[in-house]
Structure formats: C-alpha cells, structure tokens
C-alpha atoms as a PDB file:
ATOM      1  CA  MET A   1     -13.792  -0.440  52.749  1.00  0.00           C
ATOM      2  CA  ASN A   2     -10.196   1.040  53.443  1.00  0.00           C
ATOM      3  CA  PRO A   3      -8.047   2.262  50.544  1.00  0.00           C
ATOM      4  CA  ASP A   4      -5.626  -0.748  49.675  1.00  0.00           C
ATOM      5  CA  PRO A   5      -2.393  -0.402  51.798  1.00  0.00           C
ATOM      6  CA  ILE A   6      -0.488   0.228  48.426  1.00  0.00           C
ATOM      7  CA  SER A   7      -2.243   3.159  47.525  1.00  0.00           C
ATOM      8  CA  ARG A   8      -2.473   4.540  50.679  1.00  0.00           C
ATOM      9  CA  GLY A   9       1.554   4.280  50.778  1.00  0.00           C
ATOM     10  CA  ILE A  10       1.838   5.551  47.033  1.00  0.00           C
ATOM     11  CA  ARG A  11      -0.888   8.519  48.329  1.00  0.00           C
ATOM     12  CA  LEU A  12       1.514   9.135  51.595  1.00  0.00           C
ATOM     13  CA  LYS A  13       4.971   9.006  49.759  1.00  0.00           C
ATOM     14  CA  SER A  14       3.772  11.613  47.069  1.00  0.00           C
ATOM     15  CA  TYR A  15       2.351  13.845  49.372  1.00  0.00           C
ATOM     16  CA  ARG A  16       5.867  13.652  51.477  1.00  0.00           C
ATOM     17  CA  LYS A  17       7.792  14.078  48.630  1.00  0.00           C
ATOM     18  CA  SER A  18       5.683  17.392  47.265  1.00  0.00           C
ATOM     19  CA  LYS A  19       6.482  18.455  50.541  1.00  0.00           C
ATOM     20  CA  LYS A  20      10.338  17.978  50.402  1.00  0.00           C
ATOM     21  CA  MET A  21      10.621  15.687  53.452  1.00  0.00           C
ATOM     22  CA  THR A  22      12.558  12.966  53.863  1.00  0.00           C
ATOM     23  CA  LEU A  23      11.536   9.650  55.702  1.00  0.00           C
ATOM     24  CA  LYS A  24      13.841  10.982  58.811  1.00  0.00           C
ATOM     25  CA  GLU A  25      12.094  14.383  58.762  1.00  0.00           C
ATOM     26  CA  LEU A  26       8.508  12.515  58.777  1.00  0.00           C
ATOM     27  CA  SER A  27       9.394  10.762  61.076  1.00  0.00           C
ATOM     28  CA  GLU A  28      11.095  14.025  63.752  1.00  0.00           C
ATOM     29  CA  GLU A  29       7.660  15.689  63.270  1.00  0.00           C
ATOM     30  CA  THR A  30       5.497  12.804  63.643  1.00  0.00           C
ATOM     31  CA  GLY A  31       7.535  10.511  66.433  1.00  0.00           C
ATOM     32  CA  LEU A  32       6.972   7.372  64.453  1.00  0.00           C
ATOM     33  CA  SER A  33       9.762   5.370  63.162  1.00  0.00           C
ATOM     34  CA  VAL A  34      11.359   5.483  59.823  1.00  0.00           C
ATOM     35  CA  GLY A  35      11.298   2.106  59.604  1.00  0.00           C
ATOM     36  CA  PHE A  36       7.327   2.377  60.430  1.00  0.00           C
ATOM     37  CA  LEU A  37       6.670   5.391  57.764  1.00  0.00           C
ATOM     38  CA  SER A  38       8.419   3.072  55.048  1.00  0.00           C
ATOM     39  CA  LYS A  39       6.242   0.461  55.389  1.00  0.00           C
ATOM     40  CA  ILE A  40       3.152   2.094  55.067  1.00  0.00           C
ATOM     41  CA  GLU A  41       4.373   4.179  52.440  1.00  0.00           C
ATOM     42  CA  ASN A  42       5.595   0.766  51.015  1.00  0.00           C
ATOM     43  CA  GLY A  43       2.025  -1.002  51.622  1.00  0.00           C
ATOM     44  CA  PHE A  44       3.094  -2.587  54.431  1.00  0.00           C
ATOM     45  CA  GLY A  45       1.642  -2.052  58.003  1.00  0.00           C
ATOM     46  CA  ASN A  46      -1.630  -1.236  59.550  1.00  0.00           C
ATOM     47  CA  PRO A  47      -1.045   2.183  61.068  1.00  0.00           C
ATOM     48  CA  SER A  48      -4.011   3.595  63.944  1.00  0.00           C
ATOM     49  CA  ILE A  49      -6.246   6.514  63.175  1.00  0.00           C
ATOM     50  CA  ASN A  50      -4.029   8.371  65.916  1.00  0.00           C
ATOM     51  CA  ASN A  51      -0.546   7.749  63.448  1.00  0.00           C
ATOM     52  CA  VAL A  52      -2.383   8.730  60.477  1.00  0.00           C
ATOM     53  CA  GLN A  53      -3.475  12.163  62.114  1.00  0.00           C
ATOM     54  CA  LYS A  54       0.350  12.446  63.296  1.00  0.00           C
ATOM     55  CA  ILE A  55       1.124  11.868  59.822  1.00  0.00           C
ATOM     56  CA  CYS A  56      -1.354  14.234  57.716  1.00  0.00           C
ATOM     57  CA  TYR A  57      -1.117  16.854  60.285  1.00  0.00           C
ATOM     58  CA  ALA A  58       2.781  16.635  59.979  1.00  0.00           C
ATOM     59  CA  LEU A  59       2.376  16.888  56.085  1.00  0.00           C
ATOM     60  CA  GLY A  60      -0.337  19.798  56.600  1.00  0.00           C
ATOM     61  CA  ILE A  61      -2.997  17.739  54.750  1.00  0.00           C
ATOM     62  CA  THR A  62      -6.454  15.763  55.803  1.00  0.00           C
ATOM     63  CA  VAL A  63      -7.427  12.167  56.638  1.00  0.00           C
ATOM     64  CA  ASN A  64      -9.465  12.250  53.654  1.00  0.00           C
ATOM     65  CA  ASP A  65      -7.001  13.250  51.170  1.00  0.00           C
ATOM     66  CA  LEU A  66      -4.484  10.234  52.462  1.00  0.00           C
ATOM     67  CA  MET A  67      -7.774   8.133  52.872  1.00  0.00           C
ATOM     68  CA  ILE A  68     -10.491   8.496  50.426  1.00  0.00           C
ATOM     69  CA  THR A  69      -9.599   6.652  47.681  1.00  0.00           C
ATOM     70  CA  LYS A  70     -13.239   6.506  45.534  1.00  0.00           C
ATOM     71  CA  THR A  71     -13.262   7.198  42.007  1.00  0.00           C
ATOM     72  CA  GLU A  72     -16.443   9.394  40.483  1.00  0.00           C
ATOM     73  CA  GLU A  73     -17.425   6.537  38.505  1.00  0.00           C
ATOM     74  CA  GLU A  74     -18.011   4.720  42.885  1.00  0.00           C
ATOM     75  CA  LEU A  75     -19.842   7.239  43.800  1.00  0.00           C
ATOM     76  CA  LEU A  76     -23.758   7.141  44.238  1.00  0.00           C
ATOM     77  CA  SER A  77     -24.173  10.841  43.248  1.00  0.00           C
ATOM     78  CA  THR A  78     -22.379   9.634  39.633  1.00  0.00           C
ATOM     79  CA  ILE A  79     -24.561   6.740  38.980  1.00  0.00           C
ATOM     80  CA  ASN A  80     -27.731   8.328  39.831  1.00  0.00           C
ATOM     81  CA  LYS A  81     -27.141  11.499  38.018  1.00  0.00           C
ATOM     82  CA  ASP A  82     -29.613  12.630  36.393  1.00  0.00           C
ATOM     83  CA  SER A  83     -32.367  11.235  38.984  1.00  0.00           C
ATOM     84  CA  SER A  84     -33.195  11.619  42.147  1.00  0.00           C
ATOM     85  CA  TYR A  85     -32.334   8.680  44.572  1.00  0.00           C
ATOM     86  CA  VAL A  86     -32.613   7.349  48.034  1.00  0.00           C
ATOM     87  CA  VAL A  87     -29.858   6.043  50.138  1.00  0.00           C
ATOM     88  CA  ARG A  88     -29.844   3.146  52.261  1.00  0.00           C
ATOM     89  CA  GLN A  89     -27.907   2.873  55.166  1.00  0.00           C
ATOM     90  CA  SER A  90     -26.568  -0.076  54.157  1.00  0.00           C
ATOM     91  CA  ASP A  91     -25.608   1.585  50.540  1.00  0.00           C
ATOM     92  CA  ARG A  92     -23.877   4.449  51.850  1.00  0.00           C
ATOM     93  CA  CYS A  93     -20.274   4.725  50.251  1.00  0.00           C
ATOM     94  CA  LEU A  94     -17.569   3.621  52.951  1.00  0.00           C
ATOM     95  CA  LEU A  95     -14.708   5.960  52.597  1.00  0.00           C
ATOM     96  CA  TYR A  96     -12.536   3.983  55.895  1.00  0.00           C
ATOM     97  CA  ASP A  97     -13.246   2.380  59.123  1.00  0.00           C
ATOM     98  CA  PHE A  98     -10.905   2.353  61.737  1.00  0.00           C
ATOM     99  CA  SER A  99     -11.108  -0.969  63.341  1.00  0.00           C
ATOM    100  CA  GLY A 100     -14.889   0.227  63.872  1.00  0.00           C
ATOM    101  CA  PHE A 101     -13.984   2.764  65.924  1.00  0.00           C
ATOM    102  CA  VAL A 102     -14.193   5.585  63.290  1.00  0.00           C
ATOM    103  CA  ARG A 103     -16.208   5.524  60.379  1.00  0.00           C
ATOM    104  CA  PHE A 104     -16.520   7.221  57.063  1.00  0.00           C
ATOM    105  CA  GLU A 105     -19.230   7.540  54.787  1.00  0.00           C
ATOM    106  CA  SER A 106     -19.992   9.244  52.122  1.00  0.00           C
ATOM    107  CA  LEU A 107     -24.105   9.832  51.351  1.00  0.00           C
ATOM    108  CA  PHE A 108     -23.683  12.379  49.118  1.00  0.00           C
ATOM    109  CA  GLU A 109     -20.772  13.963  47.063  1.00  0.00           C
ATOM    110  CA  GLY A 110     -20.590  14.438  43.507  1.00  0.00           C
ATOM    111  CA  ASP A 111     -21.173  18.696  43.350  1.00  0.00           C
ATOM    112  CA  PRO A 112     -18.372  20.508  42.811  1.00  0.00           C
ATOM    113  CA  HIS A 113     -19.233  22.876  45.451  1.00  0.00           C
ATOM    114  CA  PHE A 114     -20.973  20.151  48.404  1.00  0.00           C
ATOM    115  CA  SER A 115     -20.689  16.938  49.628  1.00  0.00           C
ATOM    116  CA  LEU A 116     -22.293  14.976  52.412  1.00  0.00           C
ATOM    117  CA  ASN A 117     -20.864  12.552  54.937  1.00  0.00           C
ATOM    118  CA  VAL A 118     -21.532  10.625  58.051  1.00  0.00           C
ATOM    119  CA  LEU A 119     -19.002   9.866  60.690  1.00  0.00           C
ATOM    120  CA  THR A 120     -19.636   7.296  63.144  1.00  0.00           C
ATOM    121  CA  LEU A 121     -17.416   7.650  66.445  1.00  0.00           C
ATOM    122  CA  GLU A 122     -17.392   4.476  68.939  1.00  0.00           C
ATOM    123  CA  GLY A 123     -17.865   5.720  72.751  1.00  0.00           C
ATOM    124  CA  ASP A 124     -14.418   6.117  73.785  1.00  0.00           C
ATOM    125  CA  THR A 125     -13.311   9.479  74.330  1.00  0.00           C
ATOM    126  CA  SER A 126      -9.804   7.947  72.972  1.00  0.00           C
ATOM    127  CA  ASN A 127     -10.889   7.723  69.768  1.00  0.00           C
ATOM    128  CA  CYS A 128     -10.465  10.768  68.200  1.00  0.00           C
ATOM    129  CA  PHE A 129     -11.009  12.299  65.228  1.00  0.00           C
ATOM    130  CA  ARG A 130      -8.587  14.998  64.371  1.00  0.00           C
ATOM    131  CA  SER A 131      -8.312  17.245  61.025  1.00  0.00           C
ATOM    132  CA  ALA A 132      -8.777  21.113  59.517  1.00  0.00           C
ATOM    133  CA  HIS A 133      -9.720  21.009  55.917  1.00  0.00           C
ATOM    134  CA  SER A 134      -9.915  24.101  52.821  1.00  0.00           C
ATOM    135  CA  HIS A 135     -13.486  24.534  53.641  1.00  0.00           C
ATOM    136  CA  ASP A 136     -16.156  25.288  55.363  1.00  0.00           C
ATOM    137  CA  GLU A 137     -18.413  22.391  57.141  1.00  0.00           C
ATOM    138  CA  ILE A 138     -21.258  21.895  59.020  1.00  0.00           C
ATOM    139  CA  GLY A 139     -21.815  19.374  61.203  1.00  0.00           C
ATOM    140  CA  ILE A 140     -24.828  18.143  62.832  1.00  0.00           C
ATOM    141  CA  VAL A 141     -25.229  15.335  65.745  1.00  0.00           C
ATOM    142  CA  ALA A 142     -27.873  12.748  65.125  1.00  0.00           C
ATOM    143  CA  LYS A 143     -26.799  10.260  67.802  1.00  0.00           C
ATOM    144  CA  GLY A 144     -25.041  11.144  71.122  1.00  0.00           C
ATOM    145  CA  THR A 145     -22.839  13.561  72.637  1.00  0.00           C
ATOM    146  CA  LEU A 146     -20.106  14.799  70.277  1.00  0.00           C
ATOM    147  CA  GLN A 147     -17.451  16.715  72.176  1.00  0.00           C
ATOM    148  CA  THR A 148     -15.101  19.204  69.718  1.00  0.00           C
ATOM    149  CA  ILE A 149     -12.295  21.153  70.481  1.00  0.00           C
ATOM    150  CA  LEU A 150     -11.383  23.730  67.875  1.00  0.00           C
ATOM    151  CA  ASN A 151      -7.910  24.676  67.386  1.00  0.00           C
ATOM    152  CA  ASP A 152      -6.809  22.631  70.211  1.00  0.00           C
ATOM    153  CA  SER A 153      -8.464  24.908  73.321  1.00  0.00           C
ATOM    154  CA  GLU A 154     -12.006  25.796  73.264  1.00  0.00           C
ATOM    155  CA  GLU A 155     -14.075  22.420  74.230  1.00  0.00           C
ATOM    156  CA  ILE A 156     -17.422  22.019  73.189  1.00  0.00           C
ATOM    157  CA  ILE A 157     -20.101  19.721  73.781  1.00  0.00           C
ATOM    158  CA  LEU A 158     -22.875  19.227  71.179  1.00  0.00           C
ATOM    159  CA  GLN A 159     -26.067  17.152  72.244  1.00  0.00           C
ATOM    160  CA  GLU A 160     -28.154  15.409  69.856  1.00  0.00           C
ATOM    161  CA  GLY A 161     -29.899  17.589  66.967  1.00  0.00           C
ATOM    162  CA  ASP A 162     -26.841  19.937  68.152  1.00  0.00           C
ATOM    163  CA  MET A 163     -24.901  22.261  64.890  1.00  0.00           C
ATOM    164  CA  ILE A 164     -21.464  23.061  64.191  1.00  0.00           C
ATOM    165  CA  LEU A 165     -20.290  25.255  61.455  1.00  0.00           C
ATOM    166  CA  ILE A 166     -16.668  24.907  61.330  1.00  0.00           C
ATOM    167  CA  ARG A 167     -14.810  27.804  59.517  1.00  0.00           C
ATOM    168  CA  ALA A 168     -11.959  26.711  56.922  1.00  0.00           C
ATOM    169  CA  GLN A 169      -8.697  26.092  58.413  1.00  0.00           C
ATOM    170  CA  THR A 170     -10.068  25.416  61.808  1.00  0.00           C
ATOM    171  CA  THR A 171      -8.002  22.580  63.491  1.00  0.00           C
ATOM    172  CA  HIS A 172     -10.815  20.697  65.271  1.00  0.00           C
ATOM    173  CA  THR A 173     -10.839  17.410  67.012  1.00  0.00           C
ATOM    174  CA  LEU A 174     -13.793  15.391  67.684  1.00  0.00           C
ATOM    175  CA  SER A 175     -14.540  12.282  69.817  1.00  0.00           C
ATOM    176  CA  SER A 176     -17.801  11.007  71.490  1.00  0.00           C
ATOM    177  CA  ALA A 177     -17.969  12.181  74.792  1.00  0.00           C
ATOM    178  CA  THR A 178     -19.583   9.274  76.441  1.00  0.00           C
ATOM    179  CA  ASP A 179     -19.057   5.650  76.174  1.00  0.00           C
ATOM    180  CA  ASP A 180     -22.251   5.599  73.706  1.00  0.00           C
ATOM    181  CA  THR A 181     -21.994   5.786  69.998  1.00  0.00           C
ATOM    182  CA  CYS A 182     -21.789   9.257  68.442  1.00  0.00           C
ATOM    183  CA  ILE A 183     -23.172   9.914  64.749  1.00  0.00           C
ATOM    184  CA  SER A 184     -22.815  12.895  63.077  1.00  0.00           C
ATOM    185  CA  TYR A 185     -23.948  14.351  59.629  1.00  0.00           C
ATOM    186  CA  TRP A 186     -21.314  17.194  57.996  1.00  0.00           C
ATOM    187  CA  LEU A 187     -22.040  18.910  55.156  1.00  0.00           C
ATOM    188  CA  GLU A 188     -18.772  19.923  53.316  1.00  0.00           C
ATOM    189  CA  PHE A 189     -18.868  23.247  51.478  1.00  0.00           C
ATOM    190  CA  LYS A 190     -15.966  22.948  48.468  1.00  0.00           C
ATOM    191  CA  ASN A 191     -14.311  26.273  47.328  1.00  0.00           C
ATOM    192  CA  LYS A 192     -15.984  27.608  44.316  1.00  0.00           C
ATOM    193  CA  ASP A 193     -13.011  28.176  41.834  1.00  0.00           C
END
C-alpha cells in the first residue's frame, strides 16, 4: 500500500525543514502552489508521481525516501531471518503504487548492504520514474523495453535480459519505451559504514 497521507506529509515537512526551506521556497523550486504543498504536508491531497518527483528533486531526496514506510518488522527478510524462504508474487511487500502506472515492490531488504526491488512501469512514456540515490544499483529488464535517461542527457534503451549499472548520485529517469508494461528488478548496494 502507499504510505498514509499523514505519514507522508510529516516526512515531507521534516525533509523541507531540515533543508531550511519555507513552503514558498519549495513552491518556487517545484512550480507547485504553496496551498497544494501545504495540503500534502497536512495529510490531504494526492500528488501524482510527477509532482512527488518534483518535490523530491527540490529537496535532494529520492521518491523512496519520501514514500517508503515499511518498518523492519514488516519486511519478509526480518520475519524469515533464520531460514531460507520463497517470496511469491502475491506476497511481495508493496512500497508504493501511483495509480497502477508506477509500482515499486520489495523482494528483499534486510541485509544492511543490499536490497532487491521490482519496478513495474505501465506502457506510456509519460509515466516516468526519476531518481538519484546515494548508492550504486543494478537494473535488469525482465519484461518489456526500458528507456533510461542518465543525467538528463544520455538515453539508453534496454531490452528484456539487458542489465544496467547506475552509479551513486547519477540522476536517472526510467519509463517503458513502448505501450507495453515494463518490469525490471533492481539490486541496490547500500554504503558500508
């Protein structure tokens, strides 16, 4: 499920204040109205993926930072920490879903150094997923064709079975390159502190 709007709003306000930004400044950075941003912070309003990405970009955070609310206890890797296990498609941990156009699910997260997620993008190149992370990640296309734009300039088309390594801090925009659904798996390598 998506995070509840109140939790999302609290996190948004916390990130904004940690950057010492006012609502007016965030509004100017994103092109979104102060009223709309205030509604989101107060648990009202349902921002689109594009608006969430604008907000996250302006705050220097990822969509995952804002949207993911799963606790350690909710993750299958914690529940099954002492045994081998299978994750059926119906048992995946939904991290967020934007109207079925952009869906992000966790397959494994529990090891402090890596996680494995599934990104499903419905076929429409206007449904983009833009992000940058503090860690390296590998993406593998399982179904469809993935359009990847690195640093807002380098376009790469990935077919089923293709893999891409995206280095930390690289801005990347992902979308289905056709009208068909694109499913990709993402292995994130977290920093070892």
